[in-house]
PDB file of N, CA and C in Angstrom:
ATOM      1  N   MET A   1      48.632-115.463  38.087  1.00  0.00           N
ATOM      2  CA  MET A   1      48.138-115.127  36.776  1.00  0.00           C
ATOM      3  C   MET A   1      47.194-116.307  36.376  1.00  0.00           C
ATOM      4  N   PRO A   2      46.207-116.091  35.880  1.00  0.00           N
ATOM      5  CA  PRO A   2      45.453-117.153  35.327  1.00  0.00           C
ATOM      6  C   PRO A   2      45.960-117.693  33.922  1.00  0.00           C
ATOM      7  N   LYS A   3      45.525-118.687  33.323  1.00  0.00           N
ATOM      8  CA  LYS A   3      46.019-119.195  32.136  1.00  0.00           C
ATOM      9  C   LYS A   3      44.809-119.400  31.229  1.00  0.00           C
ATOM     10  N   LEU A   4      45.136-119.277  30.067  1.00  0.00           N
ATOM     11  CA  LEU A   4      43.776-119.489  28.909  1.00  0.00           C
ATOM     12  C   LEU A   4      44.330-120.346  28.068  1.00  0.00           C
ATOM     13  N   GLN A   5      43.623-121.447  27.617  1.00  0.00           N
ATOM     14  CA  GLN A   5      44.224-122.326  26.573  1.00  0.00           C
ATOM     15  C   GLN A   5      43.554-122.096  25.261  1.00  0.00           C
ATOM     16  N   ILE A   6      44.668-121.994  24.444  1.00  0.00           N
ATOM     17  CA  ILE A   6      44.278-121.663  22.814  1.00  0.00           C
ATOM     18  C   ILE A   6      45.036-122.552  21.962  1.00  0.00           C
ATOM     19  N   ASP A   7      44.216-123.357  21.393  1.00  0.00           N
ATOM     20  CA  ASP A   7      44.836-124.616  20.317  1.00  0.00           C
ATOM     21  C   ASP A   7      45.805-125.333  21.204  1.00  0.00           C
ATOM     22  N   SER A   8      45.274-125.754  22.237  1.00  0.00           N
ATOM     23  CA  SER A   8      46.148-126.795  23.107  1.00  0.00           C
ATOM     24  C   SER A   8      47.261-126.108  23.657  1.00  0.00           C
ATOM     25  N   LEU A   9      47.459-124.900  23.721  1.00  0.00           N
ATOM     26  CA  LEU A   9      48.604-124.178  24.317  1.00  0.00           C
ATOM     27  C   LEU A   9      48.039-123.118  25.425  1.00  0.00           C
ATOM     28  N   ASP A  10      48.715-123.342  26.868  1.00  0.00           N
ATOM     29  CA  ASP A  10      48.487-122.411  27.736  1.00  0.00           C
ATOM     30  C   ASP A  10      49.046-120.854  27.398  1.00  0.00           C
ATOM     31  N   PHE A  11      48.154-120.069  27.761  1.00  0.00           N
ATOM     32  CA  PHE A  11      48.793-118.626  27.647  1.00  0.00           C
ATOM     33  C   PHE A  11      48.674-117.822  29.101  1.00  0.00           C
ATOM     34  N   ASN A  12      49.631-117.320  29.705  1.00  0.00           N
ATOM     35  CA  ASN A  12      49.526-116.700  31.020  1.00  0.00           C
ATOM     36  C   ASN A  12      49.074-115.257  30.823  1.00  0.00           C
ATOM     37  N   TYR A  13      47.912-114.727  31.514  1.00  0.00           N
ATOM     38  CA  TYR A  13      47.472-113.436  31.388  1.00  0.00           C
ATOM     39  C   TYR A  13      47.047-112.990  32.708  1.00  0.00           C
ATOM     40  N   GLU A  14      46.836-111.741  32.698  1.00  0.00           N
ATOM     41  CA  GLU A  14      46.548-110.898  33.807  1.00  0.00           C
ATOM     42  C   GLU A  14      45.377-109.825  33.119  1.00  0.00           C
ATOM     43  N   ILE A  15      44.293-109.648  33.941  1.00  0.00           N
ATOM     44  CA  ILE A  15      43.431-108.587  33.860  1.00  0.00           C
ATOM     45  C   ILE A  15      43.319-107.802  35.084  1.00  0.00           C
ATOM     46  N   VAL A  16      43.473-106.434  35.016  1.00  0.00           N
ATOM     47  CA  VAL A  16      43.394-105.648  36.140  1.00  0.00           C
ATOM     48  C   VAL A  16      42.589-104.332  35.870  1.00  0.00           C
ATOM     49  N   GLY A  17      41.781-103.721  36.668  1.00  0.00           N
ATOM     50  CA  GLY A  17      40.967-102.624  36.387  1.00  0.00           C
ATOM     51  C   GLY A  17      39.715-102.787  35.777  1.00  0.00           C
ATOM     52  N   GLU A  18      38.887-101.800  35.736  1.00  0.00           N
ATOM     53  CA  GLU A  18      37.553-101.650  34.985  1.00  0.00           C
ATOM     54  C   GLU A  18      37.874-100.517  33.788  1.00  0.00           C
ATOM     55  N   GLY A  19      37.013-100.696  32.771  1.00  0.00           N
ATOM     56  CA  GLY A  19      36.752 -99.756  31.837  1.00  0.00           C
ATOM     57  C   GLY A  19      37.210-100.131  30.401  1.00  0.00           C
ATOM     58  N   GLN A  20      37.366 -99.351  29.521  1.00  0.00           N
ATOM     59  CA  GLN A  20      37.951 -99.800  28.122  1.00  0.00           C
ATOM     60  C   GLN A  20      39.172-100.484  28.311  1.00  0.00           C
ATOM     61  N   PRO A  21      39.083-101.849  27.484  1.00  0.00           N
ATOM     62  CA  PRO A  21      40.326-102.784  27.536  1.00  0.00           C
ATOM     63  C   PRO A  21      41.487-102.054  26.839  1.00  0.00           C
ATOM     64  N   VAL A  22      42.618-102.054  27.319  1.00  0.00           N
ATOM     65  CA  VAL A  22      43.997-101.902  26.836  1.00  0.00           C
ATOM     66  C   VAL A  22      44.987-103.127  26.936  1.00  0.00           C
ATOM     67  N   LEU A  23      45.409-103.580  25.864  1.00  0.00           N
ATOM     68  CA  LEU A  23      46.185-104.795  25.790  1.00  0.00           C
ATOM     69  C   LEU A  23      47.743-104.326  25.460  1.00  0.00           C
ATOM     70  N   PHE A  24      48.423-104.781  26.375  1.00  0.00           N
ATOM     71  CA  PHE A  24      50.024-104.720  26.419  1.00  0.00           C
ATOM     72  C   PHE A  24      50.702-105.944  26.026  1.00  0.00           C
ATOM     73  N   ILE A  25      51.578-105.606  24.875  1.00  0.00           N
ATOM     74  CA  ILE A  25      52.393-106.762  24.406  1.00  0.00           C
ATOM     75  C   ILE A  25      53.707-106.518  24.561  1.00  0.00           C
ATOM     76  N   HIS A  26      54.580-107.631  25.235  1.00  0.00           N
ATOM     77  CA  HIS A  26      55.955-107.315  25.643  1.00  0.00           C
ATOM     78  C   HIS A  26      56.783-107.585  24.263  1.00  0.00           C
ATOM     79  N   GLY A  27      58.125-107.412  24.487  1.00  0.00           N
ATOM     80  CA  GLY A  27      59.076-107.470  23.446  1.00  0.00           C
ATOM     81  C   GLY A  27      59.687-108.941  23.504  1.00  0.00           C
ATOM     82  N   LEU A  28      60.593-109.361  22.594  1.00  0.00           N
ATOM     83  CA  LEU A  28      61.045-110.703  22.424  1.00  0.00           C
ATOM     84  C   LEU A  28      62.246-110.982  23.532  1.00  0.00           C
ATOM     85  N   GLY A  29      61.918-112.036  24.024  1.00  0.00           N
ATOM     86  CA  GLY A  29      62.733-112.510  25.158  1.00  0.00           C
ATOM     87  C   GLY A  29      62.388-111.901  26.430  1.00  0.00           C
ATOM     88  N   SER A  30      61.137-111.380  26.673  1.00  0.00           N
ATOM     89  CA  SER A  30      60.584-110.592  27.811  1.00  0.00           C
ATOM     90  C   SER A  30      59.435-111.560  28.349  1.00  0.00           C
ATOM     91  N   SER A  31      58.608-110.548  29.081  1.00  0.00           N
ATOM     92  CA  SER A  31      57.345-111.229  29.419  1.00  0.00           C
ATOM     93  C   SER A  31      56.447-109.975  29.992  1.00  0.00           C
ATOM     94  N   SER A  32      55.117-110.442  30.241  1.00  0.00           N
ATOM     95  CA  SER A  32      54.224-109.357  30.835  1.00  0.00           C
ATOM     96  C   SER A  32      54.662-108.469  31.833  1.00  0.00           C
ATOM     97  N   ARG A  33      55.671-109.039  32.705  1.00  0.00           N
ATOM     98  CA  ARG A  33      56.342-108.450  33.783  1.00  0.00           C
ATOM     99  C   ARG A  33      56.861-107.013  33.428  1.00  0.00           C
ATOM    100  N   ASP A  34      57.089-106.726  32.167  1.00  0.00           N
ATOM    101  CA  ASP A  34      57.623-105.450  31.741  1.00  0.00           C
ATOM    102  C   ASP A  34      56.740-104.448  31.942  1.00  0.00           C
ATOM    103  N   TRP A  35      55.338-104.828  32.089  1.00  0.00           N
ATOM    104  CA  TRP A  35      54.437-103.785  32.031  1.00  0.00           C
ATOM    105  C   TRP A  35      53.759-103.202  33.491  1.00  0.00           C
ATOM    106  N   GLU A  36      54.565-103.872  34.477  1.00  0.00           N
ATOM    107  CA  GLU A  36      54.249-103.726  35.956  1.00  0.00           C
ATOM    108  C   GLU A  36      53.917-102.319  36.171  1.00  0.00           C
ATOM    109  N   GLU A  37      54.605-101.181  35.929  1.00  0.00           N
ATOM    110  CA  GLU A  37      54.477 -99.996  36.191  1.00  0.00           C
ATOM    111  C   GLU A  37      53.078 -99.248  35.465  1.00  0.00           C
ATOM    112  N   GLN A  38      53.181 -99.734  34.202  1.00  0.00           N
ATOM    113  CA  GLN A  38      51.959 -99.391  33.230  1.00  0.00           C
ATOM    114  C   GLN A  38      50.639 -99.959  33.733  1.00  0.00           C
ATOM    115  N   VAL A  39      50.711-101.212  34.273  1.00  0.00           N
ATOM    116  CA  VAL A  39      49.344-101.946  34.759  1.00  0.00           C
ATOM    117  C   VAL A  39      48.992-100.923  35.981  1.00  0.00           C
ATOM    118  N   ASN A  40      49.768-100.758  37.037  1.00  0.00           N
ATOM    119  CA  ASN A  40      49.617-100.112  38.166  1.00  0.00           C
ATOM    120  C   ASN A  40      48.942 -98.647  37.627  1.00  0.00           C
ATOM    121  N   TYR A  41      49.435 -98.003  36.803  1.00  0.00           N
ATOM    122  CA  TYR A  41      49.064 -96.728  36.257  1.00  0.00           C
ATOM    123  C   TYR A  41      47.756 -96.615  35.714  1.00  0.00           C
ATOM    124  N   PHE A  42      47.594 -97.561  34.564  1.00  0.00           N
ATOM    125  CA  PHE A  42      46.462 -97.460  33.720  1.00  0.00           C
ATOM    126  C   PHE A  42      45.245 -98.222  34.427  1.00  0.00           C
ATOM    127  N   SER A  43      45.425 -99.152  35.129  1.00  0.00           N
ATOM    128  CA  SER A  43      44.395 -99.827  35.702  1.00  0.00           C
ATOM    129  C   SER A  43      43.384 -99.127  36.588  1.00  0.00           C
ATOM    130  N   LYS A  44      43.881 -97.793  36.856  1.00  0.00           N
ATOM    131  CA  LYS A  44      42.929 -96.837  37.606  1.00  0.00           C
ATOM    132  C   LYS A  44      41.659 -96.390  36.944  1.00  0.00           C
ATOM    133  N   ASP A  45      41.790 -96.350  35.500  1.00  0.00           N
ATOM    134  CA  ASP A  45      40.904 -95.800  34.504  1.00  0.00           C
ATOM    135  C   ASP A  45      40.525 -96.930  33.624  1.00  0.00           C
ATOM    136  N   TYR A  46      41.228 -97.940  33.087  1.00  0.00           N
ATOM    137  CA  TYR A  46      41.169 -98.838  32.257  1.00  0.00           C
ATOM    138  C   TYR A  46      41.240-100.332  32.755  1.00  0.00           C
ATOM    139  N   LYS A  47      40.505-101.255  31.715  1.00  0.00           N
ATOM    140  CA  LYS A  47      40.860-102.525  32.046  1.00  0.00           C
ATOM    141  C   LYS A  47      42.138-103.040  31.419  1.00  0.00           C
ATOM    142  N   VAL A  48      43.188-103.346  32.005  1.00  0.00           N
ATOM    143  CA  VAL A  48      44.447-103.624  31.447  1.00  0.00           C
ATOM    144  C   VAL A  48      44.624-105.065  31.548  1.00  0.00           C
ATOM    145  N   VAL A  49      45.067-105.569  30.276  1.00  0.00           N
ATOM    146  CA  VAL A  49      45.408-106.868  29.875  1.00  0.00           C
ATOM    147  C   VAL A  49      46.702-107.078  29.411  1.00  0.00           C
ATOM    148  N   CYS A  50      47.437-108.008  30.255  1.00  0.00           N
ATOM    149  CA  CYS A  50      48.908-108.289  29.812  1.00  0.00           C
ATOM    150  C   CYS A  50      48.788-109.685  29.616  1.00  0.00           C
ATOM    151  N   PHE A  51      49.678-110.272  28.577  1.00  0.00           N
ATOM    152  CA  PHE A  51      49.955-111.784  28.658  1.00  0.00           C
ATOM    153  C   PHE A  51      51.169-112.012  28.131  1.00  0.00           C
ATOM    154  N   ASP A  52      51.694-113.463  28.372  1.00  0.00           N
ATOM    155  CA  ASP A  52      52.917-113.700  27.821  1.00  0.00           C
ATOM    156  C   ASP A  52      52.784-114.368  26.530  1.00  0.00           C
ATOM    157  N   VAL A  53      53.558-113.710  25.600  1.00  0.00           N
ATOM    158  CA  VAL A  53      53.697-114.255  24.253  1.00  0.00           C
ATOM    159  C   VAL A  53      54.077-115.740  24.248  1.00  0.00           C
ATOM    160  N   ARG A  54      53.569-116.635  23.208  1.00  0.00           N
ATOM    161  CA  ARG A  54      54.028-118.054  23.044  1.00  0.00           C
ATOM    162  C   ARG A  54      55.501-118.079  23.279  1.00  0.00           C
ATOM    163  N   GLY A  55      55.920-119.041  23.972  1.00  0.00           N
ATOM    164  CA  GLY A  55      57.651-119.288  24.161  1.00  0.00           C
ATOM    165  C   GLY A  55      58.083-118.152  25.096  1.00  0.00           C
ATOM    166  N   HIS A  56      57.255-117.484  25.950  1.00  0.00           N
ATOM    167  CA  HIS A  56      57.916-116.353  26.668  1.00  0.00           C
ATOM    168  C   HIS A  56      57.141-116.552  28.069  1.00  0.00           C
ATOM    169  N   GLY A  57      57.770-115.954  29.044  1.00  0.00           N
ATOM    170  CA  GLY A  57      57.208-116.068  30.490  1.00  0.00           C
ATOM    171  C   GLY A  57      56.739-117.343  30.871  1.00  0.00           C
ATOM    172  N   LEU A  58      55.646-117.160  31.373  1.00  0.00           N
ATOM    173  CA  LEU A  58      54.922-118.467  31.976  1.00  0.00           C
ATOM    174  C   LEU A  58      53.819-119.259  30.871  1.00  0.00           C
ATOM    175  N   SER A  59      53.664-118.660  29.629  1.00  0.00           N
ATOM    176  CA  SER A  59      53.007-119.359  28.635  1.00  0.00           C
ATOM    177  C   SER A  59      53.755-120.581  28.121  1.00  0.00           C
ATOM    178  N   GLY A  60      52.952-121.221  27.334  1.00  0.00           N
ATOM    179  CA  GLY A  60      53.540-122.363  26.849  1.00  0.00           C
ATOM    180  C   GLY A  60      54.815-122.259  25.875  1.00  0.00           C
ATOM    181  N   ASN A  61      55.600-123.319  25.655  1.00  0.00           N
ATOM    182  CA  ASN A  61      56.983-123.128  24.817  1.00  0.00           C
ATOM    183  C   ASN A  61      57.120-124.220  24.021  1.00  0.00           C
ATOM    184  N   PRO A  62      56.092-124.289  22.927  1.00  0.00           N
ATOM    185  CA  PRO A  62      56.213-125.496  22.053  1.00  0.00           C
ATOM    186  C   PRO A  62      57.410-125.261  21.071  1.00  0.00           C
ATOM    187  N   PRO A  63      57.825-126.293  20.291  1.00  0.00           N
ATOM    188  CA  PRO A  63      58.885-126.041  19.348  1.00  0.00           C
ATOM    189  C   PRO A  63      58.506-125.314  18.316  1.00  0.00           C
ATOM    190  N   GLY A  64      59.265-124.454  17.710  1.00  0.00           N
ATOM    191  CA  GLY A  64      59.243-123.460  16.552  1.00  0.00           C
ATOM    192  C   GLY A  64      58.678-124.322  15.304  1.00  0.00           C
ATOM    193  N   PRO A  65      58.811-123.547  14.292  1.00  0.00           N
ATOM    194  CA  PRO A  65      59.375-122.039  14.265  1.00  0.00           C
ATOM    195  C   PRO A  65      58.206-121.034  14.656  1.00  0.00           C
ATOM    196  N   TYR A  66      58.552-119.942  15.116  1.00  0.00           N
ATOM    197  CA  TYR A  66      57.545-118.830  15.491  1.00  0.00           C
ATOM    198  C   TYR A  66      57.647-117.896  14.588  1.00  0.00           C
ATOM    199  N   SER A  67      56.576-117.022  14.366  1.00  0.00           N
ATOM    200  CA  SER A  67      56.493-115.963  13.460  1.00  0.00           C
ATOM    201  C   SER A  67      55.814-114.734  14.120  1.00  0.00           C
ATOM    202  N   ILE A  68      55.845-113.602  13.451  1.00  0.00           N
ATOM    203  CA  ILE A  68      55.026-112.525  14.018  1.00  0.00           C
ATOM    204  C   ILE A  68      53.595-112.785  13.693  1.00  0.00           C
ATOM    205  N   LYS A  69      53.343-113.253  12.489  1.00  0.00           N
ATOM    206  CA  LYS A  69      52.178-113.923  12.101  1.00  0.00           C
ATOM    207  C   LYS A  69      51.315-114.691  13.085  1.00  0.00           C
ATOM    208  N   LEU A  70      51.979-115.706  13.532  1.00  0.00           N
ATOM    209  CA  LEU A  70      51.763-116.824  14.624  1.00  0.00           C
ATOM    210  C   LEU A  70      51.414-115.876  15.845  1.00  0.00           C
ATOM    211  N   PHE A  71      52.245-115.019  16.302  1.00  0.00           N
ATOM    212  CA  PHE A  71      52.094-114.290  17.557  1.00  0.00           C
ATOM    213  C   PHE A  71      50.709-113.478  17.541  1.00  0.00           C
ATOM    214  N   ALA A  72      50.485-112.900  16.363  1.00  0.00           N
ATOM    215  CA  ALA A  72      49.436-112.165  15.923  1.00  0.00           C
ATOM    216  C   ALA A  72      48.100-112.854  16.053  1.00  0.00           C
ATOM    217  N   ASP A  73      48.142-114.046  15.595  1.00  0.00           N
ATOM    218  CA  ASP A  73      47.188-114.900  15.519  1.00  0.00           C
ATOM    219  C   ASP A  73      46.579-115.326  16.861  1.00  0.00           C
ATOM    220  N   ASP A  74      47.772-115.594  17.839  1.00  0.00           N
ATOM    221  CA  ASP A  74      47.507-115.979  19.101  1.00  0.00           C
ATOM    222  C   ASP A  74      46.940-114.847  19.734  1.00  0.00           C
ATOM    223  N   THR A  75      47.358-113.629  19.452  1.00  0.00           N
ATOM    224  CA  THR A  75      46.705-112.526  20.293  1.00  0.00           C
ATOM    225  C   THR A  75      45.470-111.981  19.909  1.00  0.00           C
ATOM    226  N   ALA A  76      45.146-112.273  18.548  1.00  0.00           N
ATOM    227  CA  ALA A  76      43.660-112.198  18.259  1.00  0.00           C
ATOM    228  C   ALA A  76      42.840-113.183  19.051  1.00  0.00           C
ATOM    229  N   ALA A  77      43.254-114.747  18.877  1.00  0.00           N
ATOM    230  CA  ALA A  77      42.439-115.523  19.684  1.00  0.00           C
ATOM    231  C   ALA A  77      42.389-115.168  21.270  1.00  0.00           C
ATOM    232  N   LEU A  78      43.339-114.605  21.845  1.00  0.00           N
ATOM    233  CA  LEU A  78      43.220-114.150  23.120  1.00  0.00           C
ATOM    234  C   LEU A  78      42.075-113.075  23.560  1.00  0.00           C
ATOM    235  N   ILE A  79      42.260-112.172  22.311  1.00  0.00           N
ATOM    236  CA  ILE A  79      41.041-110.908  22.415  1.00  0.00           C
ATOM    237  C   ILE A  79      39.876-111.668  22.548  1.00  0.00           C
ATOM    238  N   MET A  80      39.670-112.332  21.493  1.00  0.00           N
ATOM    239  CA  MET A  80      38.262-112.986  21.160  1.00  0.00           C
ATOM    240  C   MET A  80      37.844-114.106  22.265  1.00  0.00           C
ATOM    241  N   SER A  81      38.694-114.664  22.807  1.00  0.00           N
ATOM    242  CA  SER A  81      38.342-115.595  23.837  1.00  0.00           C
ATOM    243  C   SER A  81      37.928-114.884  25.313  1.00  0.00           C
ATOM    244  N   LEU A  82      38.732-113.754  25.293  1.00  0.00           N
ATOM    245  CA  LEU A  82      38.395-112.806  26.606  1.00  0.00           C
ATOM    246  C   LEU A  82      37.368-111.959  26.525  1.00  0.00           C
ATOM    247  N   ASP A  83      36.735-111.837  25.270  1.00  0.00           N
ATOM    248  CA  ASP A  83      35.622-111.001  24.870  1.00  0.00           C
ATOM    249  C   ASP A  83      36.166-109.474  25.239  1.00  0.00           C
ATOM    250  N   LEU A  84      37.361-109.057  24.528  1.00  0.00           N
ATOM    251  CA  LEU A  84      37.773-107.660  24.800  1.00  0.00           C
ATOM    252  C   LEU A  84      37.629-106.634  23.645  1.00  0.00           C
ATOM    253  N   SER A  85      37.257-107.149  22.513  1.00  0.00           N
ATOM    254  CA  SER A  85      37.095-106.479  21.347  1.00  0.00           C
ATOM    255  C   SER A  85      36.051-105.350  21.393  1.00  0.00           C
ATOM    256  N   PRO A  86      36.315-104.137  20.968  1.00  0.00           N
ATOM    257  CA  PRO A  86      37.386-103.669  20.331  1.00  0.00           C
ATOM    258  C   PRO A  86      38.482-103.205  21.668  1.00  0.00           C
ATOM    259  N   VAL A  87      39.802-103.390  21.505  1.00  0.00           N
ATOM    260  CA  VAL A  87      40.718-103.131  22.257  1.00  0.00           C
ATOM    261  C   VAL A  87      41.913-102.030  21.904  1.00  0.00           C
ATOM    262  N   HIS A  88      42.081-101.254  22.840  1.00  0.00           N
ATOM    263  CA  HIS A  88      43.330-100.516  22.439  1.00  0.00           C
ATOM    264  C   HIS A  88      44.598-101.189  22.844  1.00  0.00           C
ATOM    265  N   ILE A  89      45.607-101.270  22.011  1.00  0.00           N
ATOM    266  CA  ILE A  89      46.769-102.148  22.156  1.00  0.00           C
ATOM    267  C   ILE A  89      48.103-101.123  21.906  1.00  0.00           C
ATOM    268  N   VAL A  90      48.969-101.552  22.957  1.00  0.00           N
ATOM    269  CA  VAL A  90      50.277-101.114  22.954  1.00  0.00           C
ATOM    270  C   VAL A  90      51.349-102.310  22.907  1.00  0.00           C
ATOM    271  N   GLY A  91      52.285-101.956  22.402  1.00  0.00           N
ATOM    272  CA  GLY A  91      53.317-102.948  21.942  1.00  0.00           C
ATOM    273  C   GLY A  91      54.783-102.289  22.016  1.00  0.00           C
ATOM    274  N   ILE A  92      55.825-102.980  22.607  1.00  0.00           N
ATOM    275  CA  ILE A  92      57.105-102.599  22.447  1.00  0.00           C
ATOM    276  C   ILE A  92      58.012-103.492  21.725  1.00  0.00           C
ATOM    277  N   SER A  93      58.631-103.101  20.861  1.00  0.00           N
ATOM    278  CA  SER A  93      59.668-103.933  20.097  1.00  0.00           C
ATOM    279  C   SER A  93      58.973-104.975  19.345  1.00  0.00           C
ATOM    280  N   MET A  94      59.236-106.326  19.464  1.00  0.00           N
ATOM    281  CA  MET A  94      58.493-107.213  19.029  1.00  0.00           C
ATOM    282  C   MET A  94      56.974-107.130  19.206  1.00  0.00           C
ATOM    283  N   GLY A  95      56.695-106.717  20.391  1.00  0.00           N
ATOM    284  CA  GLY A  95      55.101-106.396  20.743  1.00  0.00           C
ATOM    285  C   GLY A  95      54.486-105.397  19.712  1.00  0.00           C
ATOM    286  N   GLY A  96      55.287-104.364  19.388  1.00  0.00           N
ATOM    287  CA  GLY A  96      54.830-103.513  18.254  1.00  0.00           C
ATOM    288  C   GLY A  96      54.608-104.140  17.039  1.00  0.00           C
ATOM    289  N   MET A  97      55.528-105.225  16.632  1.00  0.00           N
ATOM    290  CA  MET A  97      55.396-105.575  15.450  1.00  0.00           C
ATOM    291  C   MET A  97      54.196-106.687  15.344  1.00  0.00           C
ATOM    292  N   ILE A  98      53.966-107.155  16.593  1.00  0.00           N
ATOM    293  CA  ILE A  98      52.706-108.016  16.655  1.00  0.00           C
ATOM    294  C   ILE A  98      51.472-107.157  16.512  1.00  0.00           C
ATOM    295  N   ALA A  99      51.317-106.086  17.323  1.00  0.00           N
ATOM    296  CA  ALA A  99      50.470-105.007  17.054  1.00  0.00           C
ATOM    297  C   ALA A  99      49.921-104.814  15.713  1.00  0.00           C
ATOM    298  N   PHE A 100      51.169-104.361  14.944  1.00  0.00           N
ATOM    299  CA  PHE A 100      50.908-103.966  13.522  1.00  0.00           C
ATOM    300  C   PHE A 100      50.207-105.278  12.744  1.00  0.00           C
ATOM    301  N   GLN A 101      50.886-106.364  12.780  1.00  0.00           N
ATOM    302  CA  GLN A 101      50.275-107.530  12.046  1.00  0.00           C
ATOM    303  C   GLN A 101      48.804-107.626  12.411  1.00  0.00           C
ATOM    304  N   LEU A 102      48.429-107.719  13.782  1.00  0.00           N
ATOM    305  CA  LEU A 102      47.250-107.596  14.188  1.00  0.00           C
ATOM    306  C   LEU A 102      46.214-106.796  13.494  1.00  0.00           C
ATOM    307  N   ALA A 103      46.709-105.426  13.606  1.00  0.00           N
ATOM    308  CA  ALA A 103      45.895-104.486  12.883  1.00  0.00           C
ATOM    309  C   ALA A 103      45.572-104.678  11.501  1.00  0.00           C
ATOM    310  N   VAL A 104      46.818-105.186  10.491  1.00  0.00           N
ATOM    311  CA  VAL A 104      46.574-105.562   9.207  1.00  0.00           C
ATOM    312  C   VAL A 104      45.468-106.782   9.286  1.00  0.00           C
ATOM    313  N   ASP A 105      45.619-107.897  10.074  1.00  0.00           N
ATOM    314  CA  ASP A 105      44.827-108.937   9.832  1.00  0.00           C
ATOM    315  C   ASP A 105      43.487-108.793  10.481  1.00  0.00           C
ATOM    316  N   ASN A 106      43.289-108.107  11.528  1.00  0.00           N
ATOM    317  CA  ASN A 106      42.075-108.156  12.190  1.00  0.00           C
ATOM    318  C   ASN A 106      41.786-106.699  12.971  1.00  0.00           C
ATOM    319  N   PRO A 107      41.633-105.797  11.940  1.00  0.00           N
ATOM    320  CA  PRO A 107      41.479-104.357  12.376  1.00  0.00           C
ATOM    321  C   PRO A 107      40.102-104.293  13.085  1.00  0.00           C
ATOM    322  N   HIS A 108      39.187-105.353  13.040  1.00  0.00           N
ATOM    323  CA  HIS A 108      37.975-105.057  13.712  1.00  0.00           C
ATOM    324  C   HIS A 108      38.115-105.354  15.152  1.00  0.00           C
ATOM    325  N   LEU A 109      39.025-105.934  15.614  1.00  0.00           N
ATOM    326  CA  LEU A 109      39.340-106.270  17.075  1.00  0.00           C
ATOM    327  C   LEU A 109      39.917-105.095  17.804  1.00  0.00           C
ATOM    328  N   LEU A 110      40.451-103.926  17.168  1.00  0.00           N
ATOM    329  CA  LEU A 110      41.186-102.835  17.764  1.00  0.00           C
ATOM    330  C   LEU A 110      40.393-101.502  17.386  1.00  0.00           C
ATOM    331  N   LYS A 111      40.724-100.758  18.530  1.00  0.00           N
ATOM    332  CA  LYS A 111      40.343 -99.457  18.655  1.00  0.00           C
ATOM    333  C   LYS A 111      41.286 -98.494  17.978  1.00  0.00           C
TER     334      LYS A 111
END
């Protein structure tokens, strides 16, 4: 998976497929690997994007504190850096909370 640097922190991400972008956000203590089945399925019709949230998977793990707001800001920066907006978004558990915060703070980035 490639890395994207946002504010001096490396984020691990993957893009598979073509079409409208769909961003998947994993839950607490997990990684983008949770979405393997969904990536395989949805990448037939969509540009599927997965990434490891700050402190998870292969992304950078700086000292905290972490917050949902911080994770949502990271996600917004990722969306803008990869020129994905507007993007469909799917989150599970903590990823759902990040998606809600992102929708509140940056609705223009989402479909």
